[in-house]
Amino acid sequence: MTIKEGWSGRYFETSRSETFMSDPLGRTITTTDNSWFTLLTQNTAPIHFDYHYASQTEFGKPLVNSCLTLALVTGPERD
């Protein structure tokens, strides 16, 4: 069995503000992803799916459900 080094030494406390880490597997969150996740989690906040309501806010468009963002960021580790 081979042992991978992984995240050795990459801690928040030791990082600098100029640090940039890229991920070769990008992910674009679509309107459909946001709608499905909002329905799945039964989130009734209109800011996530009601275009008319969201257009009247400071953002001007629907926001991505923050739980979806967290789910993608903390998702399963890839090999």
PDB file of N, CA and C in Angstrom:
ATOM      1  N   MET A   1       0.840  -1.168   0.000  1.00  0.00           N
ATOM      2  CA  MET A   1       0.000   0.000   0.000  1.00  0.00           C
ATOM      3  C   MET A   1       0.894   1.243   0.000  1.00  0.00           C
ATOM      4  N   THR A   2       0.593   2.162  -0.912  1.00  0.00           N
ATOM      5  CA  THR A   2       1.367   3.400  -0.958  1.00  0.00           C
ATOM      6  C   THR A   2       0.689   4.464  -0.102  1.00  0.00           C
ATOM      7  N   ILE A   3       1.505   5.273   0.530  1.00  0.00           N
ATOM      8  CA  ILE A   3       0.990   6.340   1.382  1.00  0.00           C
ATOM      9  C   ILE A   3       1.236   7.666   0.688  1.00  0.00           C
ATOM     10  N   LYS A   4       0.152   8.431   0.519  1.00  0.00           N
ATOM     11  CA  LYS A   4       0.264   9.741  -0.108  1.00  0.00           C
ATOM     12  C   LYS A   4       0.515  10.796   0.954  1.00  0.00           C
ATOM     13  N   GLU A   5       1.309  11.806   0.592  1.00  0.00           N
ATOM     14  CA  GLU A   5       1.631  12.853   1.551  1.00  0.00           C
ATOM     15  C   GLU A   5       0.410  13.698   1.886  1.00  0.00           C
ATOM     16  N   GLY A   6      -0.395  14.021   0.906  1.00  0.00           N
ATOM     17  CA  GLY A   6      -1.645  14.762   1.165  1.00  0.00           C
ATOM     18  C   GLY A   6      -1.438  16.213   1.531  1.00  0.00           C
ATOM     19  N   TRP A   7      -2.122  16.652   2.577  1.00  0.00           N
ATOM     20  CA  TRP A   7      -2.173  18.059   2.939  1.00  0.00           C
ATOM     21  C   TRP A   7      -1.141  18.437   3.994  1.00  0.00           C
ATOM     22  N   SER A   8      -0.024  17.832   3.999  1.00  0.00           N
ATOM     23  CA  SER A   8       1.004  18.118   4.984  1.00  0.00           C
ATOM     24  C   SER A   8       1.485  19.559   4.864  1.00  0.00           C
ATOM     25  N   GLY A   9       1.362  20.325   5.959  1.00  0.00           N
ATOM     26  CA  GLY A   9       1.873  21.675   5.989  1.00  0.00           C
ATOM     27  C   GLY A   9       0.948  22.745   5.458  1.00  0.00           C
ATOM     28  N   ARG A  10      -0.235  22.395   4.975  1.00  0.00           N
ATOM     29  CA  ARG A  10      -1.157  23.385   4.440  1.00  0.00           C
ATOM     30  C   ARG A  10      -2.215  23.719   5.484  1.00  0.00           C
ATOM     31  N   TYR A  11      -1.886  24.604   6.368  1.00  0.00           N
ATOM     32  CA  TYR A  11      -2.808  25.003   7.428  1.00  0.00           C
ATOM     33  C   TYR A  11      -3.104  26.485   7.309  1.00  0.00           C
ATOM     34  N   PHE A  12      -4.266  26.893   7.778  1.00  0.00           N
ATOM     35  CA  PHE A  12      -4.666  28.295   7.708  1.00  0.00           C
ATOM     36  C   PHE A  12      -3.653  29.199   8.389  1.00  0.00           C
ATOM     37  N   GLU A  13      -3.171  28.771   9.530  1.00  0.00           N
ATOM     38  CA  GLU A  13      -2.247  29.592  10.312  1.00  0.00           C
ATOM     39  C   GLU A  13      -0.929  29.825   9.587  1.00  0.00           C
ATOM     40  N   THR A  14      -0.522  28.903   8.728  1.00  0.00           N
ATOM     41  CA  THR A  14       0.770  29.022   8.056  1.00  0.00           C
ATOM     42  C   THR A  14       0.643  29.564   6.637  1.00  0.00           C
ATOM     43  N   SER A  15      -0.578  29.812   6.160  1.00  0.00           N
ATOM     44  CA  SER A  15      -0.750  30.312   4.799  1.00  0.00           C
ATOM     45  C   SER A  15      -0.617  31.829   4.760  1.00  0.00           C
ATOM     46  N   ARG A  16      -0.298  32.328   3.582  1.00  0.00           N
ATOM     47  CA  ARG A  16      -0.188  33.772   3.390  1.00  0.00           C
ATOM     48  C   ARG A  16      -1.374  34.231   2.555  1.00  0.00           C
ATOM     49  N   SER A  17      -1.694  35.504   2.606  1.00  0.00           N
ATOM     50  CA  SER A  17      -2.852  36.014   1.878  1.00  0.00           C
ATOM     51  C   SER A  17      -2.653  35.932   0.366  1.00  0.00           C
ATOM     52  N   GLU A  18      -1.413  35.848  -0.107  1.00  0.00           N
ATOM     53  CA  GLU A  18      -1.158  35.764  -1.545  1.00  0.00           C
ATOM     54  C   GLU A  18      -1.250  34.337  -2.072  1.00  0.00           C
ATOM     55  N   THR A  19      -1.458  33.369  -1.200  1.00  0.00           N
ATOM     56  CA  THR A  19      -1.480  31.972  -1.601  1.00  0.00           C
ATOM     57  C   THR A  19      -2.663  31.697  -2.506  1.00  0.00           C
ATOM     58  N   PHE A  20      -2.412  31.051  -3.638  1.00  0.00           N
ATOM     59  CA  PHE A  20      -3.465  30.670  -4.573  1.00  0.00           C
ATOM     60  C   PHE A  20      -3.334  29.189  -4.855  1.00  0.00           C
ATOM     61  N   MET A  21      -4.404  28.463  -4.640  1.00  0.00           N
ATOM     62  CA  MET A  21      -4.411  27.030  -4.915  1.00  0.00           C
ATOM     63  C   MET A  21      -5.450  26.754  -5.983  1.00  0.00           C
ATOM     64  N   SER A  22      -5.026  26.161  -7.071  1.00  0.00           N
ATOM     65  CA  SER A  22      -5.970  25.854  -8.140  1.00  0.00           C
ATOM     66  C   SER A  22      -6.341  24.379  -8.080  1.00  0.00           C
ATOM     67  N   ASP A  23      -7.522  24.099  -8.578  1.00  0.00           N
ATOM     68  CA  ASP A  23      -8.027  22.734  -8.615  1.00  0.00           C
ATOM     69  C   ASP A  23      -8.224  22.369 -10.076  1.00  0.00           C
ATOM     70  N   PRO A  24      -7.611  21.293 -10.541  1.00  0.00           N
ATOM     71  CA  PRO A  24      -7.737  20.947 -11.955  1.00  0.00           C
ATOM     72  C   PRO A  24      -9.165  20.551 -12.345  1.00  0.00           C
ATOM     73  N   LEU A  25      -9.971  20.171 -11.380  1.00  0.00           N
ATOM     74  CA  LEU A  25     -11.347  19.790 -11.671  1.00  0.00           C
ATOM     75  C   LEU A  25     -12.279  20.917 -11.236  1.00  0.00           C
ATOM     76  N   GLY A  26     -12.542  21.838 -12.122  1.00  0.00           N
ATOM     77  CA  GLY A  26     -13.410  22.965 -11.805  1.00  0.00           C
ATOM     78  C   GLY A  26     -14.872  22.547 -11.769  1.00  0.00           C
ATOM     79  N   ARG A  27     -15.698  23.364 -11.154  1.00  0.00           N
ATOM     80  CA  ARG A  27     -17.125  23.066 -11.062  1.00  0.00           C
ATOM     81  C   ARG A  27     -17.891  24.367 -11.191  1.00  0.00           C
ATOM     82  N   THR A  28     -18.760  24.466 -12.179  1.00  0.00           N
ATOM     83  CA  THR A  28     -19.623  25.612 -12.343  1.00  0.00           C
ATOM     84  C   THR A  28     -20.991  25.262 -11.778  1.00  0.00           C
ATOM     85  N   ILE A  29     -21.466  26.077 -10.859  1.00  0.00           N
ATOM     86  CA  ILE A  29     -22.786  25.844 -10.270  1.00  0.00           C
ATOM     87  C   ILE A  29     -23.817  26.502 -11.170  1.00  0.00           C
ATOM     88  N   THR A  30     -24.734  25.709 -11.679  1.00  0.00           N
ATOM     89  CA  THR A  30     -25.753  26.223 -12.589  1.00  0.00           C
ATOM     90  C   THR A  30     -27.021  26.579 -11.822  1.00  0.00           C
ATOM     91  N   THR A  31     -27.927  27.246 -12.518  1.00  0.00           N
ATOM     92  CA  THR A  31     -29.222  27.592 -11.942  1.00  0.00           C
ATOM     93  C   THR A  31     -29.980  26.329 -11.560  1.00  0.00           C
ATOM     94  N   THR A  32     -29.855  25.304 -12.366  1.00  0.00           N
ATOM     95  CA  THR A  32     -30.523  24.032 -12.074  1.00  0.00           C
ATOM     96  C   THR A  32     -29.961  23.405 -10.808  1.00  0.00           C
ATOM     97  N   ASP A  33     -28.643  23.418 -10.635  1.00  0.00           N
ATOM     98  CA  ASP A  33     -28.032  22.894  -9.406  1.00  0.00           C
ATOM     99  C   ASP A  33     -28.593  23.607  -8.183  1.00  0.00           C
ATOM    100  N   ASN A  34     -28.657  24.927  -8.272  1.00  0.00           N
ATOM    101  CA  ASN A  34     -29.144  25.725  -7.152  1.00  0.00           C
ATOM    102  C   ASN A  34     -30.621  25.430  -6.876  1.00  0.00           C
ATOM    103  N   SER A  35     -31.432  25.340  -7.923  1.00  0.00           N
ATOM    104  CA  SER A  35     -32.867  25.062  -7.749  1.00  0.00           C
ATOM    105  C   SER A  35     -33.091  23.687  -7.134  1.00  0.00           C
ATOM    106  N   TRP A  36     -32.396  22.690  -7.667  1.00  0.00           N
ATOM    107  CA  TRP A  36     -32.567  21.333  -7.144  1.00  0.00           C
ATOM    108  C   TRP A  36     -32.132  21.233  -5.686  1.00  0.00           C
ATOM    109  N   PHE A  37     -31.000  21.843  -5.352  1.00  0.00           N
ATOM    110  CA  PHE A  37     -30.513  21.760  -3.979  1.00  0.00           C
ATOM    111  C   PHE A  37     -31.432  22.530  -3.034  1.00  0.00           C
ATOM    112  N   THR A  38     -31.958  23.669  -3.493  1.00  0.00           N
ATOM    113  CA  THR A  38     -32.892  24.441  -2.676  1.00  0.00           C
ATOM    114  C   THR A  38     -34.159  23.632  -2.422  1.00  0.00           C
ATOM    115  N   LEU A  39     -34.645  22.929  -3.432  1.00  0.00           N
ATOM    116  CA  LEU A  39     -35.827  22.075  -3.251  1.00  0.00           C
ATOM    117  C   LEU A  39     -35.503  20.866  -2.358  1.00  0.00           C
ATOM    118  N   LEU A  40     -34.349  20.281  -2.552  1.00  0.00           N
ATOM    119  CA  LEU A  40     -33.949  19.114  -1.766  1.00  0.00           C
ATOM    120  C   LEU A  40     -33.858  19.430  -0.282  1.00  0.00           C
ATOM    121  N   THR A  41     -33.323  20.610   0.042  1.00  0.00           N
ATOM    122  CA  THR A  41     -33.172  20.992   1.441  1.00  0.00           C
ATOM    123  C   THR A  41     -34.396  21.723   1.990  1.00  0.00           C
ATOM    124  N   GLN A  42     -35.414  21.880   1.147  1.00  0.00           N
ATOM    125  CA  GLN A  42     -36.662  22.554   1.525  1.00  0.00           C
ATOM    126  C   GLN A  42     -36.401  23.950   2.080  1.00  0.00           C
ATOM    127  N   ASN A  43     -35.500  24.641   1.438  1.00  0.00           N
ATOM    128  CA  ASN A  43     -35.176  26.011   1.817  1.00  0.00           C
ATOM    129  C   ASN A  43     -36.213  26.930   1.175  1.00  0.00           C
ATOM    130  N   THR A  44     -37.006  27.605   1.967  1.00  0.00           N
ATOM    131  CA  THR A  44     -38.097  28.426   1.430  1.00  0.00           C
ATOM    132  C   THR A  44     -37.720  29.893   1.267  1.00  0.00           C
ATOM    133  N   ALA A  45     -36.457  30.244   1.434  1.00  0.00           N
ATOM    134  CA  ALA A  45     -36.031  31.630   1.264  1.00  0.00           C
ATOM    135  C   ALA A  45     -36.126  32.009  -0.218  1.00  0.00           C
ATOM    136  N   PRO A  46     -36.941  33.004  -0.564  1.00  0.00           N
ATOM    137  CA  PRO A  46     -37.148  33.347  -1.975  1.00  0.00           C
ATOM    138  C   PRO A  46     -35.905  33.911  -2.666  1.00  0.00           C
ATOM    139  N   ILE A  47     -34.913  34.300  -1.917  1.00  0.00           N
ATOM    140  CA  ILE A  47     -33.690  34.850  -2.518  1.00  0.00           C
ATOM    141  C   ILE A  47     -32.968  33.805  -3.368  1.00  0.00           C
ATOM    142  N   HIS A  48     -33.255  32.520  -3.153  1.00  0.00           N
ATOM    143  CA  HIS A  48     -32.565  31.455  -3.880  1.00  0.00           C
ATOM    144  C   HIS A  48     -33.254  31.042  -5.171  1.00  0.00           C
ATOM    145  N   PHE A  49     -34.537  31.323  -5.328  1.00  0.00           N
ATOM    146  CA  PHE A  49     -35.228  30.827  -6.514  1.00  0.00           C
ATOM    147  C   PHE A  49     -36.233  31.788  -7.132  1.00  0.00           C
ATOM    148  N   ASP A  50     -36.611  32.856  -6.457  1.00  0.00           N
ATOM    149  CA  ASP A  50     -37.602  33.803  -6.970  1.00  0.00           C
ATOM    150  C   ASP A  50     -36.867  34.974  -7.641  1.00  0.00           C
ATOM    151  N   TYR A  51     -36.856  34.966  -8.980  1.00  0.00           N
ATOM    152  CA  TYR A  51     -36.109  35.981  -9.722  1.00  0.00           C
ATOM    153  C   TYR A  51     -36.648  37.387  -9.489  1.00  0.00           C
ATOM    154  N   HIS A  52     -37.960  37.529  -9.401  1.00  0.00           N
ATOM    155  CA  HIS A  52     -38.545  38.852  -9.166  1.00  0.00           C
ATOM    156  C   HIS A  52     -38.131  39.387  -7.791  1.00  0.00           C
ATOM    157  N   TYR A  53     -38.247  38.573  -6.784  1.00  0.00           N
ATOM    158  CA  TYR A  53     -37.842  38.985  -5.431  1.00  0.00           C
ATOM    159  C   TYR A  53     -36.345  39.306  -5.388  1.00  0.00           C
ATOM    160  N   ALA A  54     -35.543  38.424  -5.959  1.00  0.00           N
ATOM    161  CA  ALA A  54     -34.089  38.595  -5.910  1.00  0.00           C
ATOM    162  C   ALA A  54     -33.641  39.833  -6.683  1.00  0.00           C
ATOM    163  N   SER A  55     -34.365  40.198  -7.733  1.00  0.00           N
ATOM    164  CA  SER A  55     -33.977  41.378  -8.517  1.00  0.00           C
ATOM    165  C   SER A  55     -34.139  42.669  -7.723  1.00  0.00           C
ATOM    166  N   GLN A  56     -34.927  42.648  -6.671  1.00  0.00           N
ATOM    167  CA  GLN A  56     -35.149  43.833  -5.848  1.00  0.00           C
ATOM    168  C   GLN A  56     -34.173  43.925  -4.680  1.00  0.00           C
ATOM    169  N   THR A  57     -33.288  42.980  -4.554  1.00  0.00           N
ATOM    170  CA  THR A  57     -32.292  43.005  -3.484  1.00  0.00           C
ATOM    171  C   THR A  57     -31.020  43.691  -3.978  1.00  0.00           C
ATOM    172  N   GLU A  58     -30.067  43.873  -3.094  1.00  0.00           N
ATOM    173  CA  GLU A  58     -28.801  44.508  -3.476  1.00  0.00           C
ATOM    174  C   GLU A  58     -27.990  43.660  -4.451  1.00  0.00           C
ATOM    175  N   PHE A  59     -28.291  42.358  -4.524  1.00  0.00           N
ATOM    176  CA  PHE A  59     -27.532  41.457  -5.389  1.00  0.00           C
ATOM    177  C   PHE A  59     -28.074  41.439  -6.817  1.00  0.00           C
ATOM    178  N   GLY A  60     -29.379  41.685  -6.978  1.00  0.00           N
ATOM    179  CA  GLY A  60     -29.979  41.772  -8.299  1.00  0.00           C
ATOM    180  C   GLY A  60     -30.301  40.457  -8.971  1.00  0.00           C
ATOM    181  N   LYS A  61     -29.930  39.365  -8.378  1.00  0.00           N
ATOM    182  CA  LYS A  61     -30.227  38.042  -8.946  1.00  0.00           C
ATOM    183  C   LYS A  61     -30.238  37.025  -7.821  1.00  0.00           C
ATOM    184  N   PRO A  62     -30.790  35.832  -8.069  1.00  0.00           N
ATOM    185  CA  PRO A  62     -30.837  34.811  -7.012  1.00  0.00           C
ATOM    186  C   PRO A  62     -29.438  34.410  -6.534  1.00  0.00           C
ATOM    187  N   LEU A  63     -29.337  34.133  -5.252  1.00  0.00           N
ATOM    188  CA  LEU A  63     -28.076  33.707  -4.662  1.00  0.00           C
ATOM    189  C   LEU A  63     -27.999  32.186  -4.628  1.00  0.00           C
ATOM    190  N   VAL A  64     -26.798  31.674  -4.724  1.00  0.00           N
ATOM    191  CA  VAL A  64     -26.591  30.239  -4.582  1.00  0.00           C
ATOM    192  C   VAL A  64     -26.789  29.881  -3.115  1.00  0.00           C
ATOM    193  N   ASN A  65     -27.505  28.813  -2.891  1.00  0.00           N
ATOM    194  CA  ASN A  65     -27.749  28.322  -1.540  1.00  0.00           C
ATOM    195  C   ASN A  65     -26.401  28.067  -0.864  1.00  0.00           C
ATOM    196  N   SER A  66     -26.175  28.686   0.293  1.00  0.00           N
ATOM    197  CA  SER A  66     -24.871  28.559   0.961  1.00  0.00           C
ATOM    198  C   SER A  66     -24.576  27.127   1.386  1.00  0.00           C
ATOM    199  N   CYS A  67     -25.613  26.356   1.662  1.00  0.00           N
ATOM    200  CA  CYS A  67     -25.386  24.941   2.015  1.00  0.00           C
ATOM    201  C   CYS A  67     -24.825  24.173   0.820  1.00  0.00           C
ATOM    202  N   LEU A  68     -25.227  24.546  -0.384  1.00  0.00           N
ATOM    203  CA  LEU A  68     -24.678  23.912  -1.585  1.00  0.00           C
ATOM    204  C   LEU A  68     -23.197  24.243  -1.720  1.00  0.00           C
ATOM    205  N   THR A  69     -22.845  25.487  -1.470  1.00  0.00           N
ATOM    206  CA  THR A  69     -21.434  25.881  -1.524  1.00  0.00           C
ATOM    207  C   THR A  69     -20.615  25.086  -0.513  1.00  0.00           C
ATOM    208  N   LEU A  70     -21.112  24.992   0.706  1.00  0.00           N
ATOM    209  CA  LEU A  70     -20.397  24.228   1.736  1.00  0.00           C
ATOM    210  C   LEU A  70     -20.303  22.749   1.373  1.00  0.00           C
ATOM    211  N   ALA A  71     -21.373  22.204   0.806  1.00  0.00           N
ATOM    212  CA  ALA A  71     -21.357  20.790   0.417  1.00  0.00           C
ATOM    213  C   ALA A  71     -20.296  20.529  -0.649  1.00  0.00           C
ATOM    214  N   LEU A  72     -20.132  21.459  -1.580  1.00  0.00           N
ATOM    215  CA  LEU A  72     -19.123  21.277  -2.622  1.00  0.00           C
ATOM    216  C   LEU A  72     -17.708  21.449  -2.075  1.00  0.00           C
ATOM    217  N   VAL A  73     -17.522  22.412  -1.193  1.00  0.00           N
ATOM    218  CA  VAL A  73     -16.197  22.672  -0.634  1.00  0.00           C
ATOM    219  C   VAL A  73     -15.744  21.548   0.280  1.00  0.00           C
ATOM    220  N   THR A  74     -16.657  21.003   1.072  1.00  0.00           N
ATOM    221  CA  THR A  74     -16.296  19.962   2.037  1.00  0.00           C
ATOM    222  C   THR A  74     -16.638  18.572   1.536  1.00  0.00           C
ATOM    223  N   GLY A  75     -16.846  18.434   0.234  1.00  0.00           N
ATOM    224  CA  GLY A  75     -17.233  17.163  -0.355  1.00  0.00           C
ATOM    225  C   GLY A  75     -16.204  16.073  -0.139  1.00  0.00           C
ATOM    226  N   PRO A  76     -16.488  14.896  -0.655  1.00  0.00           N
ATOM    227  CA  PRO A  76     -15.564  13.761  -0.461  1.00  0.00           C
ATOM    228  C   PRO A  76     -14.208  14.018  -1.101  1.00  0.00           C
ATOM    229  N   GLU A  77     -13.197  13.491  -0.463  1.00  0.00           N
ATOM    230  CA  GLU A  77     -11.830  13.657  -0.964  1.00  0.00           C
ATOM    231  C   GLU A  77     -11.636  12.827  -2.213  1.00  0.00           C
ATOM    232  N   ARG A  78     -10.946  13.418  -3.198  1.00  0.00           N
ATOM    233  CA  ARG A  78     -10.661  12.711  -4.447  1.00  0.00           C
ATOM    234  C   ARG A  78      -9.257  12.126  -4.381  1.00  0.00           C
ATOM    235  N   ASP A  79      -9.050  11.072  -5.125  1.00  0.00           N
ATOM    236  CA  ASP A  79      -7.699  10.480  -5.227  1.00  0.00           C
ATOM    237  C   ASP A  79      -6.937  11.131  -6.344  1.00  0.00           C
TER     238      ASP A  79
END
